[in-house]
Amino acid sequence: MPALRRIARLSIWKFENDALPGAVDRLADAIAEPLLDKKYAERERNASER
């Protein structure tokens, strides 16, 4: 049985305080409806298992 491994991903963004509402809106939109081509969706869904 292959050894299991954990993969941690960290993203750090910097922006001005007055830009926070717009940044959160764009991030929420990207999470809710990602612009990922269906052709690559399954590959990305399983990326952390490689």
N, C-alpha and C. Protein backbone atom coordinates (compact mmCIF):
# COMPACT_ATOMS: atom_id res chain seq x y z
N MET A 1 0.85 -1.18 0.00
CA MET A 1 0.00 0.00 0.00
C MET A 1 0.90 1.24 0.00
N PRO A 2 0.67 2.17 -0.92
CA PRO A 2 1.52 3.35 -0.97
C PRO A 2 1.35 4.23 0.26
N ALA A 3 2.43 4.88 0.63
CA ALA A 3 2.38 5.79 1.79
C ALA A 3 1.48 6.98 1.47
N LEU A 4 0.72 7.38 2.45
CA LEU A 4 -0.13 8.55 2.28
C LEU A 4 0.69 9.80 2.57
N ARG A 5 0.40 10.86 1.87
CA ARG A 5 1.11 12.10 2.12
C ARG A 5 0.12 13.25 2.18
N ARG A 6 0.48 14.24 2.94
CA ARG A 6 -0.37 15.42 3.07
C ARG A 6 0.24 16.54 2.25
N ILE A 7 -0.62 17.26 1.60
CA ILE A 7 -0.18 18.41 0.81
C ILE A 7 -0.91 19.64 1.35
N ALA A 8 -0.14 20.62 1.74
CA ALA A 8 -0.73 21.86 2.24
C ALA A 8 -0.50 22.96 1.22
N ARG A 9 -1.51 23.74 0.99
CA ARG A 9 -1.39 24.87 0.06
C ARG A 9 -1.71 26.15 0.82
N LEU A 10 -0.89 27.15 0.61
CA LEU A 10 -1.08 28.43 1.27
C LEU A 10 -1.06 29.52 0.22
N SER A 11 -2.05 30.36 0.27
CA SER A 11 -2.10 31.51 -0.64
C SER A 11 -2.09 32.77 0.19
N ILE A 12 -1.25 33.71 -0.20
CA ILE A 12 -1.17 34.98 0.51
C ILE A 12 -1.40 36.09 -0.49
N TRP A 13 -2.35 36.95 -0.18
CA TRP A 13 -2.66 38.08 -1.04
C TRP A 13 -2.51 39.35 -0.24
N LYS A 14 -2.04 40.40 -0.89
CA LYS A 14 -1.94 41.71 -0.26
C LYS A 14 -2.78 42.69 -1.05
N PHE A 15 -3.54 43.51 -0.35
CA PHE A 15 -4.34 44.54 -1.00
C PHE A 15 -4.64 45.63 0.02
N GLU A 16 -4.97 46.80 -0.47
CA GLU A 16 -5.31 47.93 0.40
C GLU A 16 -6.62 47.65 1.13
N ASN A 17 -6.75 48.19 2.33
CA ASN A 17 -7.96 47.96 3.14
C ASN A 17 -9.25 48.32 2.42
N ASP A 18 -9.24 49.42 1.67
CA ASP A 18 -10.47 49.82 0.99
C ASP A 18 -10.81 48.90 -0.18
N ALA A 19 -9.88 48.04 -0.56
CA ALA A 19 -10.13 47.10 -1.66
C ALA A 19 -10.69 45.77 -1.15
N LEU A 20 -10.76 45.60 0.16
CA LEU A 20 -11.21 44.33 0.73
C LEU A 20 -12.59 43.88 0.25
N PRO A 21 -13.61 44.71 0.27
CA PRO A 21 -14.93 44.24 -0.19
C PRO A 21 -14.92 43.72 -1.63
N GLY A 22 -14.26 44.42 -2.53
CA GLY A 22 -14.18 43.97 -3.92
C GLY A 22 -13.38 42.69 -4.06
N ALA A 23 -12.29 42.58 -3.28
CA ALA A 23 -11.46 41.38 -3.34
C ALA A 23 -12.24 40.16 -2.85
N VAL A 24 -12.99 40.34 -1.78
CA VAL A 24 -13.80 39.23 -1.25
C VAL A 24 -14.89 38.84 -2.25
N ASP A 25 -15.51 39.81 -2.88
CA ASP A 25 -16.54 39.52 -3.89
C ASP A 25 -15.96 38.70 -5.04
N ARG A 26 -14.79 39.11 -5.53
CA ARG A 26 -14.18 38.39 -6.66
C ARG A 26 -13.75 36.99 -6.25
N LEU A 27 -13.20 36.85 -5.04
CA LEU A 27 -12.81 35.53 -4.56
C LEU A 27 -14.03 34.63 -4.41
N ALA A 28 -15.11 35.16 -3.86
CA ALA A 28 -16.34 34.38 -3.70
C ALA A 28 -16.88 33.93 -5.05
N ASP A 29 -16.85 34.82 -6.04
CA ASP A 29 -17.31 34.45 -7.38
C ASP A 29 -16.45 33.35 -7.97
N ALA A 30 -15.13 33.45 -7.78
CA ALA A 30 -14.22 32.44 -8.33
C ALA A 30 -14.44 31.08 -7.69
N ILE A 31 -14.77 31.08 -6.41
CA ILE A 31 -15.02 29.81 -5.71
C ILE A 31 -16.39 29.25 -6.12
N ALA A 32 -17.38 30.11 -6.21
CA ALA A 32 -18.74 29.67 -6.53
C ALA A 32 -18.86 29.16 -7.96
N GLU A 33 -18.22 29.84 -8.90
CA GLU A 33 -18.32 29.46 -10.31
C GLU A 33 -16.95 29.59 -10.97
N PRO A 34 -16.07 28.60 -10.74
CA PRO A 34 -14.73 28.68 -11.31
C PRO A 34 -14.76 28.62 -12.84
N LEU A 35 -13.81 29.29 -13.45
CA LEU A 35 -13.71 29.31 -14.91
C LEU A 35 -12.77 28.19 -15.37
N LEU A 36 -13.10 26.98 -15.01
CA LEU A 36 -12.27 25.82 -15.33
C LEU A 36 -12.94 25.04 -16.45
N ASP A 37 -12.21 24.85 -17.51
CA ASP A 37 -12.71 24.09 -18.65
C ASP A 37 -13.06 22.67 -18.20
N LYS A 38 -14.22 22.18 -18.59
CA LYS A 38 -14.64 20.83 -18.19
C LYS A 38 -13.63 19.77 -18.59
N LYS A 39 -12.89 20.06 -19.65
CA LYS A 39 -11.87 19.13 -20.13
C LYS A 39 -10.81 18.87 -19.05
N TYR A 40 -10.52 19.88 -18.23
CA TYR A 40 -9.48 19.75 -17.21
C TYR A 40 -10.02 19.60 -15.79
N ALA A 41 -11.31 19.66 -15.61
CA ALA A 41 -11.91 19.64 -14.28
C ALA A 41 -11.55 18.39 -13.50
N GLU A 42 -11.69 17.23 -14.09
CA GLU A 42 -11.40 15.98 -13.37
C GLU A 42 -9.93 15.91 -12.98
N ARG A 43 -9.08 16.35 -13.86
CA ARG A 43 -7.64 16.36 -13.57
C ARG A 43 -7.35 17.25 -12.36
N GLU A 44 -7.93 18.42 -12.31
CA GLU A 44 -7.72 19.34 -11.20
C GLU A 44 -8.35 18.80 -9.92
N ARG A 45 -9.49 18.15 -10.03
CA ARG A 45 -10.17 17.59 -8.86
C ARG A 45 -9.29 16.56 -8.17
N ASN A 46 -8.49 15.85 -8.94
CA ASN A 46 -7.63 14.80 -8.39
C ASN A 46 -6.18 15.23 -8.23
N ALA A 47 -5.88 16.49 -8.42
CA ALA A 47 -4.49 16.97 -8.39
C ALA A 47 -3.81 16.70 -7.05
N SER A 48 -4.52 16.83 -5.96
CA SER A 48 -3.89 16.64 -4.65
C SER A 48 -3.60 15.17 -4.35
N GLU A 49 -4.13 14.27 -5.14
CA GLU A 49 -3.90 12.84 -4.92
C GLU A 49 -2.66 12.33 -5.64
N ARG A 50 -2.03 13.18 -6.43
CA ARG A 50 -0.84 12.75 -7.17
C ARG A 50 0.41 12.92 -6.38
